[in-house]
Amino acid sequence: PARLALRAGAPIVFVFCIPDGPGHRLEFEGPLRVELLSEEERDP
């Protein structure tokens, strides 16, 4: 995933589906935008 993001410049978004009573809760967080990372952070 890290190599794909760095090569394509694609953002990374996280999502987790949590049981919530009889249904579910789909929670997004992020994003990680590789073009905004420092040179040290842009390492796979």
PDB file of all heavy atoms in Angstrom:
ATOM      1  N   PRO A   1       0.818  -1.223   0.000  1.00  0.00           N
ATOM      2  CA  PRO A   1       0.000   0.000   0.000  1.00  0.00           C
ATOM      3  C   PRO A   1       0.848   1.269   0.000  1.00  0.00           C
ATOM      4  O   PRO A   1       0.532   2.233  -0.717  1.00  0.00           O
ATOM      5  CB  PRO A   1      -0.824  -0.127   1.288  1.00  0.00           C
ATOM      6  CG  PRO A   1      -0.887  -1.592   1.557  1.00  0.00           C
ATOM      7  CD  PRO A   1       0.436  -2.123   1.113  1.00  0.00           C
ATOM      8  N   ALA A   2       1.924   1.278   0.795  1.00  0.00           N
ATOM      9  CA  ALA A   2       2.791   2.459   0.843  1.00  0.00           C
ATOM     10  C   ALA A   2       3.472   2.695  -0.496  1.00  0.00           C
ATOM     11  O   ALA A   2       3.528   3.834  -0.989  1.00  0.00           O
ATOM     12  CB  ALA A   2       3.838   2.278   1.945  1.00  0.00           C
ATOM     13  N   ARG A   3       3.971   1.639  -1.113  1.00  0.00           N
ATOM     14  CA  ARG A   3       4.643   1.802  -2.398  1.00  0.00           C
ATOM     15  C   ARG A   3       3.677   2.262  -3.490  1.00  0.00           C
ATOM     16  O   ARG A   3       4.028   3.091  -4.334  1.00  0.00           O
ATOM     17  CB  ARG A   3       5.318   0.483  -2.792  1.00  0.00           C
ATOM     18  CG  ARG A   3       6.542   0.167  -1.948  1.00  0.00           C
ATOM     19  CD  ARG A   3       7.121  -1.190  -2.270  1.00  0.00           C
ATOM     20  NE  ARG A   3       8.353  -1.427  -1.524  1.00  0.00           N
ATOM     21  CZ  ARG A   3       8.931  -2.616  -1.408  1.00  0.00           C
ATOM     22  NH1 ARG A   3       8.403  -3.678  -1.984  1.00  0.00           N
ATOM     23  NH2 ARG A   3      10.056  -2.741  -0.714  1.00  0.00           N
ATOM     24  N   LEU A   4       2.471   1.730  -3.487  1.00  0.00           N
ATOM     25  CA  LEU A   4       1.468   2.168  -4.457  1.00  0.00           C
ATOM     26  C   LEU A   4       1.150   3.644  -4.283  1.00  0.00           C
ATOM     27  O   LEU A   4       1.072   4.400  -5.266  1.00  0.00           O
ATOM     28  CB  LEU A   4       0.193   1.331  -4.293  1.00  0.00           C
ATOM     29  CG  LEU A   4       0.232  -0.115  -4.785  1.00  0.00           C
ATOM     30  CD1 LEU A   4      -0.976  -0.876  -4.257  1.00  0.00           C
ATOM     31  CD2 LEU A   4       0.272  -0.170  -6.305  1.00  0.00           C
ATOM     32  N   ALA A   5       0.939   4.057  -3.042  1.00  0.00           N
ATOM     33  CA  ALA A   5       0.608   5.458  -2.773  1.00  0.00           C
ATOM     34  C   ALA A   5       1.728   6.387  -3.210  1.00  0.00           C
ATOM     35  O   ALA A   5       1.479   7.428  -3.840  1.00  0.00           O
ATOM     36  CB  ALA A   5       0.306   5.643  -1.287  1.00  0.00           C
ATOM     37  N   LEU A   6       2.964   6.012  -2.901  1.00  0.00           N
ATOM     38  CA  LEU A   6       4.101   6.862  -3.246  1.00  0.00           C
ATOM     39  C   LEU A   6       4.317   6.925  -4.750  1.00  0.00           C
ATOM     40  O   LEU A   6       4.632   7.989  -5.299  1.00  0.00           O
ATOM     41  CB  LEU A   6       5.358   6.352  -2.544  1.00  0.00           C
ATOM     42  CG  LEU A   6       5.365   6.515  -1.016  1.00  0.00           C
ATOM     43  CD1 LEU A   6       6.493   5.706  -0.394  1.00  0.00           C
ATOM     44  CD2 LEU A   6       5.491   7.985  -0.632  1.00  0.00           C
ATOM     45  N   ARG A   7       4.134   5.818  -5.425  1.00  0.00           N
ATOM     46  CA  ARG A   7       4.379   5.794  -6.870  1.00  0.00           C
ATOM     47  C   ARG A   7       3.285   6.551  -7.638  1.00  0.00           C
ATOM     48  O   ARG A   7       3.585   7.254  -8.606  1.00  0.00           O
ATOM     49  CB  ARG A   7       4.455   4.352  -7.357  1.00  0.00           C
ATOM     50  CG  ARG A   7       4.780   4.230  -8.834  1.00  0.00           C
ATOM     51  CD  ARG A   7       5.202   2.836  -9.210  1.00  0.00           C
ATOM     52  NE  ARG A   7       5.465   2.715 -10.629  1.00  0.00           N
ATOM     53  CZ  ARG A   7       5.886   1.614 -11.227  1.00  0.00           C
ATOM     54  NH1 ARG A   7       6.109   0.521 -10.504  1.00  0.00           N
ATOM     55  NH2 ARG A   7       6.095   1.575 -12.522  1.00  0.00           N
ATOM     56  N   ALA A   8       2.019   6.394  -7.199  1.00  0.00           N
ATOM     57  CA  ALA A   8       0.919   7.013  -7.925  1.00  0.00           C
ATOM     58  C   ALA A   8       0.528   8.379  -7.376  1.00  0.00           C
ATOM     59  O   ALA A   8      -0.286   9.077  -7.984  1.00  0.00           O
ATOM     60  CB  ALA A   8      -0.300   6.082  -7.896  1.00  0.00           C
ATOM     61  N   GLY A   9       1.076   8.745  -6.202  1.00  0.00           N
ATOM     62  CA  GLY A   9       0.660   9.993  -5.572  1.00  0.00           C
ATOM     63  C   GLY A   9      -0.760   9.938  -5.053  1.00  0.00           C
ATOM     64  O   GLY A   9      -1.428  10.965  -4.898  1.00  0.00           O
ATOM     65  N   ALA A  10      -1.230   8.732  -4.762  1.00  0.00           N
ATOM     66  CA  ALA A  10      -2.617   8.547  -4.332  1.00  0.00           C
ATOM     67  C   ALA A  10      -2.760   8.741  -2.826  1.00  0.00           C
ATOM     68  O   ALA A  10      -1.890   8.329  -2.059  1.00  0.00           O
ATOM     69  CB  ALA A  10      -3.100   7.139  -4.705  1.00  0.00           C
ATOM     70  N   PRO A  11      -3.850   9.351  -2.383  1.00  0.00           N
ATOM     71  CA  PRO A  11      -4.090   9.496  -0.942  1.00  0.00           C
ATOM     72  C   PRO A  11      -4.482   8.169  -0.306  1.00  0.00           C
ATOM     73  O   PRO A  11      -5.066   7.301  -0.958  1.00  0.00           O
ATOM     74  CB  PRO A  11      -5.237  10.503  -0.879  1.00  0.00           C
ATOM     75  CG  PRO A  11      -5.979  10.298  -2.163  1.00  0.00           C
ATOM     76  CD  PRO A  11      -4.933   9.955  -3.184  1.00  0.00           C
ATOM     77  N   ILE A  12      -4.170   8.031   0.967  1.00  0.00           N
ATOM     78  CA  ILE A  12      -4.554   6.855   1.749  1.00  0.00           C
ATOM     79  C   ILE A  12      -5.646   7.275   2.735  1.00  0.00           C
ATOM     80  O   ILE A  12      -5.490   8.244   3.470  1.00  0.00           O
ATOM     81  CB  ILE A  12      -3.356   6.283   2.512  1.00  0.00           C
ATOM     82  CG1 ILE A  12      -2.280   5.788   1.543  1.00  0.00           C
ATOM     83  CG2 ILE A  12      -3.794   5.150   3.446  1.00  0.00           C
ATOM     84  CD1 ILE A  12      -0.994   5.333   2.225  1.00  0.00           C
ATOM     85  N   VAL A  13      -6.741   6.523   2.717  1.00  0.00           N
ATOM     86  CA  VAL A  13      -7.856   6.752   3.641  1.00  0.00           C
ATOM     87  C   VAL A  13      -8.065   5.464   4.428  1.00  0.00           C
ATOM     88  O   VAL A  13      -7.934   4.360   3.881  1.00  0.00           O
ATOM     89  CB  VAL A  13      -9.143   7.130   2.873  1.00  0.00           C
ATOM     90  CG1 VAL A  13     -10.352   7.123   3.799  1.00  0.00           C
ATOM     91  CG2 VAL A  13      -8.982   8.500   2.215  1.00  0.00           C
ATOM     92  N   PHE A  14      -8.378   5.586   5.703  1.00  0.00           N
ATOM     93  CA  PHE A  14      -8.637   4.414   6.543  1.00  0.00           C
ATOM     94  C   PHE A  14     -10.134   4.277   6.796  1.00  0.00           C
ATOM     95  O   PHE A  14     -10.841   5.288   6.933  1.00  0.00           O
ATOM     96  CB  PHE A  14      -7.903   4.543   7.874  1.00  0.00           C
ATOM     97  CG  PHE A  14      -6.412   4.593   7.735  1.00  0.00           C
ATOM     98  CD1 PHE A  14      -5.749   5.805   7.544  1.00  0.00           C
ATOM     99  CD2 PHE A  14      -5.664   3.433   7.774  1.00  0.00           C
ATOM    100  CE1 PHE A  14      -4.372   5.855   7.409  1.00  0.00           C
ATOM    101  CE2 PHE A  14      -4.279   3.472   7.642  1.00  0.00           C
ATOM    102  CZ  PHE A  14      -3.637   4.684   7.446  1.00  0.00           C
ATOM    103  N   VAL A  15     -10.609   3.039   6.857  1.00  0.00           N
ATOM    104  CA  VAL A  15     -12.018   2.810   7.165  1.00  0.00           C
ATOM    105  C   VAL A  15     -12.138   1.547   8.018  1.00  0.00           C
ATOM    106  O   VAL A  15     -11.430   0.563   7.797  1.00  0.00           O
ATOM    107  CB  VAL A  15     -12.867   2.685   5.875  1.00  0.00           C
ATOM    108  CG1 VAL A  15     -12.535   1.418   5.095  1.00  0.00           C
ATOM    109  CG2 VAL A  15     -14.353   2.734   6.202  1.00  0.00           C
ATOM    110  N   PHE A  16     -13.025   1.620   9.011  1.00  0.00           N
ATOM    111  CA  PHE A  16     -13.258   0.483   9.900  1.00  0.00           C
ATOM    112  C   PHE A  16     -14.760   0.345  10.114  1.00  0.00           C
ATOM    113  O   PHE A  16     -15.456   1.344  10.346  1.00  0.00           O
ATOM    114  CB  PHE A  16     -12.540   0.672  11.232  1.00  0.00           C
ATOM    115  CG  PHE A  16     -11.055   0.840  11.074  1.00  0.00           C
ATOM    116  CD1 PHE A  16     -10.484   2.107  10.982  1.00  0.00           C
ATOM    117  CD2 PHE A  16     -10.225  -0.265  10.990  1.00  0.00           C
ATOM    118  CE1 PHE A  16      -9.121   2.272  10.813  1.00  0.00           C
ATOM    119  CE2 PHE A  16      -8.848  -0.108  10.819  1.00  0.00           C
ATOM    120  CZ  PHE A  16      -8.295   1.165  10.731  1.00  0.00           C
ATOM    121  N   CYS A  17     -15.250  -0.886  10.009  1.00  0.00           N
ATOM    122  CA  CYS A  17     -16.684  -1.156  10.169  1.00  0.00           C
ATOM    123  C   CYS A  17     -16.915  -1.786  11.537  1.00  0.00           C
ATOM    124  O   CYS A  17     -16.437  -2.898  11.813  1.00  0.00           O
ATOM    125  CB  CYS A  17     -17.174  -2.073   9.056  1.00  0.00           C
ATOM    126  SG  CYS A  17     -18.976  -2.181   8.949  1.00  0.00           S
ATOM    127  N   ILE A  18     -17.638  -1.073  12.387  1.00  0.00           N
ATOM    128  CA  ILE A  18     -17.824  -1.467  13.787  1.00  0.00           C
ATOM    129  C   ILE A  18     -19.254  -1.963  14.003  1.00  0.00           C
ATOM    130  O   ILE A  18     -20.215  -1.287  13.608  1.00  0.00           O
ATOM    131  CB  ILE A  18     -17.579  -0.254  14.725  1.00  0.00           C
ATOM    132  CG1 ILE A  18     -16.290   0.480  14.335  1.00  0.00           C
ATOM    133  CG2 ILE A  18     -17.551  -0.712  16.180  1.00  0.00           C
ATOM    134  CD1 ILE A  18     -15.054  -0.348  14.442  1.00  0.00           C
ATOM    135  N   PRO A  19     -19.447  -3.134  14.624  1.00  0.00           N
ATOM    136  CA  PRO A  19     -20.810  -3.556  14.969  1.00  0.00           C
ATOM    137  C   PRO A  19     -21.460  -2.529  15.882  1.00  0.00           C
ATOM    138  O   PRO A  19     -20.830  -2.028  16.816  1.00  0.00           O
ATOM    139  CB  PRO A  19     -20.597  -4.893  15.707  1.00  0.00           C
ATOM    140  CG  PRO A  19     -19.241  -5.353  15.285  1.00  0.00           C
ATOM    141  CD  PRO A  19     -18.432  -4.119  15.046  1.00  0.00           C
ATOM    142  N   ASP A  20     -22.705  -2.211  15.595  1.00  0.00           N
ATOM    143  CA  ASP A  20     -23.418  -1.194  16.365  1.00  0.00           C
ATOM    144  C   ASP A  20     -24.871  -1.621  16.508  1.00  0.00           C
ATOM    145  O   ASP A  20     -25.710  -1.307  15.660  1.00  0.00           O
ATOM    146  CB  ASP A  20     -23.314   0.157  15.647  1.00  0.00           C
ATOM    147  CG  ASP A  20     -23.878   1.306  16.480  1.00  0.00           C
ATOM    148  OD1 ASP A  20     -24.133   1.093  17.681  1.00  0.00           O
ATOM    149  OD2 ASP A  20     -24.069   2.400  15.925  1.00  0.00           O
ATOM    150  N   GLY A  21     -25.165  -2.359  17.587  1.00  0.00           N
ATOM    151  CA  GLY A  21     -26.515  -2.884  17.771  1.00  0.00           C
ATOM    152  C   GLY A  21     -26.853  -3.855  16.655  1.00  0.00           C
ATOM    153  O   GLY A  21     -26.038  -4.703  16.284  1.00  0.00           O
ATOM    154  N   PRO A  22     -28.037  -3.717  16.032  1.00  0.00           N
ATOM    155  CA  PRO A  22     -28.400  -4.611  14.926  1.00  0.00           C
ATOM    156  C   PRO A  22     -27.736  -4.224  13.609  1.00  0.00           C
ATOM    157  O   PRO A  22     -27.864  -4.940  12.617  1.00  0.00           O
ATOM    158  CB  PRO A  22     -29.921  -4.435  14.832  1.00  0.00           C
ATOM    159  CG  PRO A  22     -30.167  -3.053  15.344  1.00  0.00           C
ATOM    160  CD  PRO A  22     -29.133  -2.815  16.414  1.00  0.00           C
ATOM    161  N   GLY A  23     -27.034  -3.093  13.568  1.00  0.00           N
ATOM    162  CA  GLY A  23     -26.395  -2.628  12.343  1.00  0.00           C
ATOM    163  C   GLY A  23     -24.905  -2.453  12.489  1.00  0.00           C
ATOM    164  O   GLY A  23     -24.251  -3.105  13.313  1.00  0.00           O
ATOM    165  N   HIS A  24     -24.345  -1.544  11.684  1.00  0.00           N
ATOM    166  CA  HIS A  24     -22.903  -1.304  11.678  1.00  0.00           C
ATOM    167  C   HIS A  24     -22.627   0.184  11.519  1.00  0.00           C
ATOM    168  O   HIS A  24     -23.469   0.940  11.038  1.00  0.00           O
ATOM    169  CB  HIS A  24     -22.224  -2.062  10.531  1.00  0.00           C
ATOM    170  CG  HIS A  24     -22.470  -3.528  10.537  1.00  0.00           C
ATOM    171  ND1 HIS A  24     -23.559  -4.113   9.904  1.00  0.00           N
ATOM    172  CD2 HIS A  24     -21.790  -4.544  11.121  1.00  0.00           C
ATOM    173  CE1 HIS A  24     -23.529  -5.420  10.092  1.00  0.00           C
ATOM    174  NE2 HIS A  24     -22.464  -5.705  10.818  1.00  0.00           N
ATOM    175  N   ARG A  25     -21.444   0.573  11.926  1.00  0.00           N
ATOM    176  CA  ARG A  25     -20.978   1.953  11.786  1.00  0.00           C
ATOM    177  C   ARG A  25     -19.684   1.943  10.987  1.00  0.00           C
ATOM    178  O   ARG A  25     -18.692   1.353  11.400  1.00  0.00           O
ATOM    179  CB  ARG A  25     -20.764   2.568  13.163  1.00  0.00           C
ATOM    180  CG  ARG A  25     -20.611   4.073  13.172  1.00  0.00           C
ATOM    181  CD  ARG A  25     -20.611   4.610  14.598  1.00  0.00           C
ATOM    182  NE  ARG A  25     -19.476   4.152  15.377  1.00  0.00           N
ATOM    183  CZ  ARG A  25     -19.535   3.220  16.327  1.00  0.00           C
ATOM    184  NH1 ARG A  25     -20.694   2.648  16.632  1.00  0.00           N
ATOM    185  NH2 ARG A  25     -18.452   2.862  17.005  1.00  0.00           N
ATOM    186  N   LEU A  26     -19.695   2.578   9.810  1.00  0.00           N
ATOM    187  CA  LEU A  26     -18.535   2.631   8.937  1.00  0.00           C
ATOM    188  C   LEU A  26     -17.822   3.956   9.178  1.00  0.00           C
ATOM    189  O   LEU A  26     -18.337   5.015   8.840  1.00  0.00           O
ATOM    190  CB  LEU A  26     -18.968   2.512   7.473  1.00  0.00           C
ATOM    191  CG  LEU A  26     -17.863   2.260   6.444  1.00  0.00           C
ATOM    192  CD1 LEU A  26     -17.311   0.841   6.583  1.00  0.00           C
ATOM    193  CD2 LEU A  26     -18.384   2.475   5.028  1.00  0.00           C
ATOM    194  N   GLU A  27     -16.631   3.886   9.776  1.00  0.00           N
ATOM    195  CA  GLU A  27     -15.920   5.093  10.206  1.00  0.00           C
ATOM    196  C   GLU A  27     -14.680   5.326   9.347  1.00  0.00           C
ATOM    197  O   GLU A  27     -13.792   4.476   9.272  1.00  0.00           O
ATOM    198  CB  GLU A  27     -15.504   4.967  11.675  1.00  0.00           C
ATOM    199  CG  GLU A  27     -16.680   4.796  12.623  1.00  0.00           C
ATOM    200  CD  GLU A  27     -16.241   4.703  14.073  1.00  0.00           C
ATOM    201  OE1 GLU A  27     -15.020   4.656  14.333  1.00  0.00           O
ATOM    202  OE2 GLU A  27     -17.109   4.669  14.954  1.00  0.00           O
ATOM    203  N   PHE A  28     -14.622   6.498   8.715  1.00  0.00           N
ATOM    204  CA  PHE A  28     -13.456   6.895   7.927  1.00  0.00           C
ATOM    205  C   PHE A  28     -12.537   7.779   8.769  1.00  0.00           C
ATOM    206  O   PHE A  28     -12.996   8.527   9.623  1.00  0.00           O
ATOM    207  CB  PHE A  28     -13.880   7.673   6.674  1.00  0.00           C
ATOM    208  CG  PHE A  28     -14.520   6.826   5.622  1.00  0.00           C
ATOM    209  CD1 PHE A  28     -15.907   6.709   5.546  1.00  0.00           C
ATOM    210  CD2 PHE A  28     -13.744   6.140   4.699  1.00  0.00           C
ATOM    211  CE1 PHE A  28     -16.499   5.918   4.575  1.00  0.00           C
ATOM    212  CE2 PHE A  28     -14.326   5.346   3.722  1.00  0.00           C
ATOM    213  CZ  PHE A  28     -15.710   5.236   3.660  1.00  0.00           C
ATOM    214  N   GLU A  29     -11.239   7.687   8.493  1.00  0.00           N
ATOM    215  CA  GLU A  29     -10.292   8.623   9.087  1.00  0.00           C
ATOM    216  C   GLU A  29      -9.134   8.851   8.123  1.00  0.00           C
ATOM    217  O   GLU A  29      -8.912   8.087   7.189  1.00  0.00           O
ATOM    218  CB  GLU A  29      -9.787   8.143  10.445  1.00  0.00           C
ATOM    219  CG  GLU A  29      -9.025   6.837  10.460  1.00  0.00           C
ATOM    220  CD  GLU A  29      -8.499   6.527  11.854  1.00  0.00           C
ATOM    221  OE1 GLU A  29      -7.483   7.138  12.253  1.00  0.00           O
ATOM    222  OE2 GLU A  29      -9.097   5.678  12.541  1.00  0.00           O
ATOM    223  N   GLY A  30      -8.388   9.905   8.335  1.00  0.00           N
ATOM    224  CA  GLY A  30      -7.315  10.297   7.432  1.00  0.00           C
ATOM    225  C   GLY A  30      -7.653  11.651   6.820  1.00  0.00           C
ATOM    226  O   GLY A  30      -8.357  12.459   7.439  1.00  0.00           O
ATOM    227  N   PRO A  31      -7.181  11.927   5.611  1.00  0.00           N
ATOM    228  CA  PRO A  31      -6.348  11.035   4.792  1.00  0.00           C
ATOM    229  C   PRO A  31      -4.867  11.261   5.043  1.00  0.00           C
ATOM    230  O   PRO A  31      -4.469  12.246   5.667  1.00  0.00           O
ATOM    231  CB  PRO A  31      -6.711  11.476   3.378  1.00  0.00           C
ATOM    232  CG  PRO A  31      -6.946  12.953   3.518  1.00  0.00           C
ATOM    233  CD  PRO A  31      -7.567  13.144   4.886  1.00  0.00           C
ATOM    234  N   LEU A  32      -4.056  10.333   4.521  1.00  0.00           N
ATOM    235  CA  LEU A  32      -2.622  10.546   4.406  1.00  0.00           C
ATOM    236  C   LEU A  32      -2.348  10.949   2.957  1.00  0.00           C
ATOM    237  O   LEU A  32      -2.589  10.168   2.033  1.00  0.00           O
ATOM    238  CB  LEU A  32      -1.855   9.266   4.734  1.00  0.00           C
ATOM    239  CG  LEU A  32      -1.724   8.868   6.199  1.00  0.00           C
ATOM    240  CD1 LEU A  32      -1.007   7.529   6.315  1.00  0.00           C
ATOM    241  CD2 LEU A  32      -0.963   9.929   6.975  1.00  0.00           C
ATOM    242  N   ARG A  33      -1.876  12.162   2.758  1.00  0.00           N
ATOM    243  CA  ARG A  33      -1.566  12.648   1.414  1.00  0.00           C
ATOM    244  C   ARG A  33      -0.051  12.637   1.238  1.00  0.00           C
ATOM    245  O   ARG A  33       0.659  13.417   1.880  1.00  0.00           O
ATOM    246  CB  ARG A  33      -2.154  14.034   1.192  1.00  0.00           C
ATOM    247  CG  ARG A  33      -3.676  14.027   1.168  1.00  0.00           C
ATOM    248  CD  ARG A  33      -4.255  15.408   0.922  1.00  0.00           C
ATOM    249  NE  ARG A  33      -3.727  16.011  -0.311  1.00  0.00           N
ATOM    250  CZ  ARG A  33      -4.109  17.205  -0.766  1.00  0.00           C
ATOM    251  NH1 ARG A  33      -5.011  17.905  -0.095  1.00  0.00           N
ATOM    252  NH2 ARG A  33      -3.583  17.682  -1.883  1.00  0.00           N
ATOM    253  N   VAL A  34       0.425  11.753   0.376  1.00  0.00           N
ATOM    254  CA  VAL A  34       1.866  11.521   0.286  1.00  0.00           C
ATOM    255  C   VAL A  34       2.615  12.750  -0.217  1.00  0.00           C
ATOM    256  O   VAL A  34       3.787  12.955   0.141  1.00  0.00           O
ATOM    257  CB  VAL A  34       2.166  10.299  -0.614  1.00  0.00           C
ATOM    258  CG1 VAL A  34       1.626   9.029   0.023  1.00  0.00           C
ATOM    259  CG2 VAL A  34       1.587  10.487  -2.015  1.00  0.00           C
ATOM    260  N   GLU A  35       1.946  13.597  -1.017  1.00  0.00           N
ATOM    261  CA  GLU A  35       2.648  14.769  -1.531  1.00  0.00           C
ATOM    262  C   GLU A  35       2.905  15.811  -0.450  1.00  0.00           C
ATOM    263  O   GLU A  35       3.723  16.723  -0.641  1.00  0.00           O
ATOM    264  CB  GLU A  35       1.860  15.395  -2.698  1.00  0.00           C
ATOM    265  CG  GLU A  35       0.637  16.207  -2.309  1.00  0.00           C
ATOM    266  CD  GLU A  35      -0.609  15.361  -2.091  1.00  0.00           C
ATOM    267  OE1 GLU A  35      -0.463  14.117  -2.034  1.00  0.00           O
ATOM    268  OE2 GLU A  35      -1.708  15.929  -2.009  1.00  0.00           O
ATOM    269  N   LEU A  36       2.228  15.669   0.685  1.00  0.00           N
ATOM    270  CA  LEU A  36       2.434  16.609   1.787  1.00  0.00           C
ATOM    271  C   LEU A  36       3.414  16.085   2.835  1.00  0.00           C
ATOM    272  O   LEU A  36       3.708  16.779   3.802  1.00  0.00           O
ATOM    273  CB  LEU A  36       1.090  16.916   2.452  1.00  0.00           C
ATOM    274  CG  LEU A  36      -0.001  17.526   1.550  1.00  0.00           C
ATOM    275  CD1 LEU A  36      -1.268  17.782   2.355  1.00  0.00           C
ATOM    276  CD2 LEU A  36       0.489  18.807   0.887  1.00  0.00           C
ATOM    277  N   LEU A  37       3.907  14.870   2.647  1.00  0.00           N
ATOM    278  CA  LEU A  37       4.830  14.279   3.612  1.00  0.00           C
ATOM    279  C   LEU A  37       6.238  14.824   3.410  1.00  0.00           C
ATOM    280  O   LEU A  37       6.621  15.234   2.304  1.00  0.00           O
ATOM    281  CB  LEU A  37       4.849  12.758   3.459  1.00  0.00           C
ATOM    282  CG  LEU A  37       3.522  12.019   3.706  1.00  0.00           C
ATOM    283  CD1 LEU A  37       3.710  10.522   3.460  1.00  0.00           C
ATOM    284  CD2 LEU A  37       2.990  12.271   5.103  1.00  0.00           C
ATOM    285  N   SER A  38       7.025  14.798   4.469  1.00  0.00           N
ATOM    286  CA  SER A  38       8.427  15.188   4.363  1.00  0.00           C
ATOM    287  C   SER A  38       9.202  14.110   3.614  1.00  0.00           C
ATOM    288  O   SER A  38       8.706  12.988   3.399  1.00  0.00           O
ATOM    289  CB  SER A  38       9.016  15.374   5.757  1.00  0.00           C
ATOM    290  OG  SER A  38       9.090  14.126   6.430  1.00  0.00           O
ATOM    291  N   GLU A  39      10.430  14.433   3.234  1.00  0.00           N
ATOM    292  CA  GLU A  39      11.252  13.459   2.507  1.00  0.00           C
ATOM    293  C   GLU A  39      11.478  12.211   3.346  1.00  0.00           C
ATOM    294  O   GLU A  39      11.449  11.082   2.834  1.00  0.00           O
ATOM    295  CB  GLU A  39      12.593  14.099   2.135  1.00  0.00           C
ATOM    296  CG  GLU A  39      13.483  13.186   1.298  1.00  0.00           C
ATOM    297  CD  GLU A  39      14.761  13.867   0.855  1.00  0.00           C
ATOM    298  OE1 GLU A  39      14.875  15.102   1.029  1.00  0.00           O
ATOM    299  OE2 GLU A  39      15.649  13.163   0.343  1.00  0.00           O
ATOM    300  N   GLU A  40      11.689  12.382   4.632  1.00  0.00           N
ATOM    301  CA  GLU A  40      11.890  11.233   5.521  1.00  0.00           C
ATOM    302  C   GLU A  40      10.639  10.380   5.613  1.00  0.00           C
ATOM    303  O   GLU A  40      10.711   9.146   5.663  1.00  0.00           O
ATOM    304  CB  GLU A  40      12.288  11.730   6.917  1.00  0.00           C
ATOM    305  CG  GLU A  40      12.586  10.615   7.904  1.00  0.00           C
ATOM    306  CD  GLU A  40      13.003  11.140   9.262  1.00  0.00           C
ATOM    307  OE1 GLU A  40      13.198  12.372   9.381  1.00  0.00           O
ATOM    308  OE2 GLU A  40      13.132  10.332  10.192  1.00  0.00           O
ATOM    309  N   GLU A  41       9.471  11.021   5.617  1.00  0.00           N
ATOM    310  CA  GLU A  41       8.205  10.289   5.720  1.00  0.00           C
ATOM    311  C   GLU A  41       7.828   9.603   4.415  1.00  0.00           C
ATOM    312  O   GLU A  41       7.029   8.663   4.417  1.00  0.00           O
ATOM    313  CB  GLU A  41       7.090  11.249   6.138  1.00  0.00           C
ATOM    314  CG  GLU A  41       7.222  11.789   7.548  1.00  0.00           C
ATOM    315  CD  GLU A  41       6.239  12.907   7.830  1.00  0.00           C
ATOM    316  OE1 GLU A  41       5.920  13.699   6.905  1.00  0.00           O
ATOM    317  OE2 GLU A  41       5.782  13.014   8.986  1.00  0.00           O
ATOM    318  N   ARG A  42       8.405  10.078   3.295  1.00  0.00           N
ATOM    319  CA  ARG A  42       8.092   9.494   1.996  1.00  0.00           C
ATOM    320  C   ARG A  42       8.969   8.269   1.716  1.00  0.00           C
ATOM    321  O   ARG A  42       9.459   8.075   0.615  1.00  0.00           O
ATOM    322  CB  ARG A  42       8.274  10.539   0.894  1.00  0.00           C
ATOM    323  CG  ARG A  42       7.198  11.619   0.885  1.00  0.00           C
ATOM    324  CD  ARG A  42       7.535  12.720  -0.119  1.00  0.00           C
ATOM    325  NE  ARG A  42       7.692  12.190  -1.462  1.00  0.00           N
ATOM    326  CZ  ARG A  42       6.701  11.968  -2.316  1.00  0.00           C
ATOM    327  NH1 ARG A  42       5.447  12.225  -1.939  1.00  0.00           N
ATOM    328  NH2 ARG A  42       6.921  11.500  -3.528  1.00  0.00           N
ATOM    329  N   ASP A  43       9.136   7.465   2.688  1.00  0.00           N
ATOM    330  CA  ASP A  43       9.885   6.218   2.598  1.00  0.00           C
ATOM    331  C   ASP A  43       8.896   5.071   2.791  1.00  0.00           C
ATOM    332  O   ASP A  43       8.053   5.126   3.707  1.00  0.00           O
ATOM    333  CB  ASP A  43      10.958   6.177   3.689  1.00  0.00           C
ATOM    334  CG  ASP A  43      11.630   4.820   3.760  1.00  0.00           C
ATOM    335  OD1 ASP A  43      12.456   4.517   2.891  1.00  0.00           O
ATOM    336  OD2 ASP A  43      11.295   4.055   4.689  1.00  0.00           O
ATOM    337  N   PRO A  44       8.924   4.033   1.947  1.00  0.00           N
ATOM    338  CA  PRO A  44       7.929   2.957   2.071  1.00  0.00           C
ATOM    339  C   PRO A  44       7.883   2.309   3.447  1.00  0.00           C
ATOM    340  O   PRO A  44       6.798   1.976   3.944  1.00  0.00           O
ATOM    341  CB  PRO A  44       8.374   1.948   1.000  1.00  0.00           C
ATOM    342  CG  PRO A  44       9.113   2.760   0.001  1.00  0.00           C
ATOM    343  CD  PRO A  44       9.807   3.835   0.786  1.00  0.00           C
TER     344      PRO A  44
END
